[in-house]
Amino acid sequence: MGLTQNDKEFQFCPVCGGGLNSLILKVNELPRLRCSACGFIFYLDPKVVACSIIEFEDKIVLLKRAIQPRKGKWTMPGGYVDRREEVTAAAIRETEEECGLKTGIKDLLGVYSYKGQLPVIIVYITQYLAGELIPGDETLETGLFSEKQTPWNDLAFQSTEDALKDYWERNNN
């Protein structure tokens, strides 16, 4: 499997500005981008997303997205982990930004990744600590849902569906 057209967005070395070429450096590995001038290897790493399933009043919090992709669909609070940020801190930060709640990490629910997709989604179970449930600037609406109330046909991402199924299965045992 070679580099796709989407991976060609990087054409110049971030170290010296030389041109990047696609090369197989080791047998059984994907091609890597290597600078033709200085030899720098430019690894195309995945993006890490940290999410929270917030337990609140015997239900969970879901958010209706105000941004693309999947604007108007329901998801759990979450977002990209900043460089040098702890994943747990990102989950807590994103939750407060998106729905106004301060939370604490209870447990790791799971890690979700999908072939051909850049993000690796890390989902935590969190508990409500303080704050008022409000829509943040990337959120149209917030809601509290039981398993039966979950909008299964209106979820934003496969990872949302998979994490919610895992969560409810875990809580029903």
Foldseek 3Di string as FASTA:
>chain_A
DADDPVNCPDQADPPPRAGWDWDDPDPPDYTWTAGPPPGDTDDDAFWEKEFEFECDPNFTKWFQFCDDDLHRFIFTFMDTADPPHDSQVRHQVRNCQAFNFGKDFDAWQDWDDDPPHRYIYTYTYIYTDDGDGHGHPGTPDMDTDHLVRPPLVRHRDPVRNVSSVSVVVVVVD
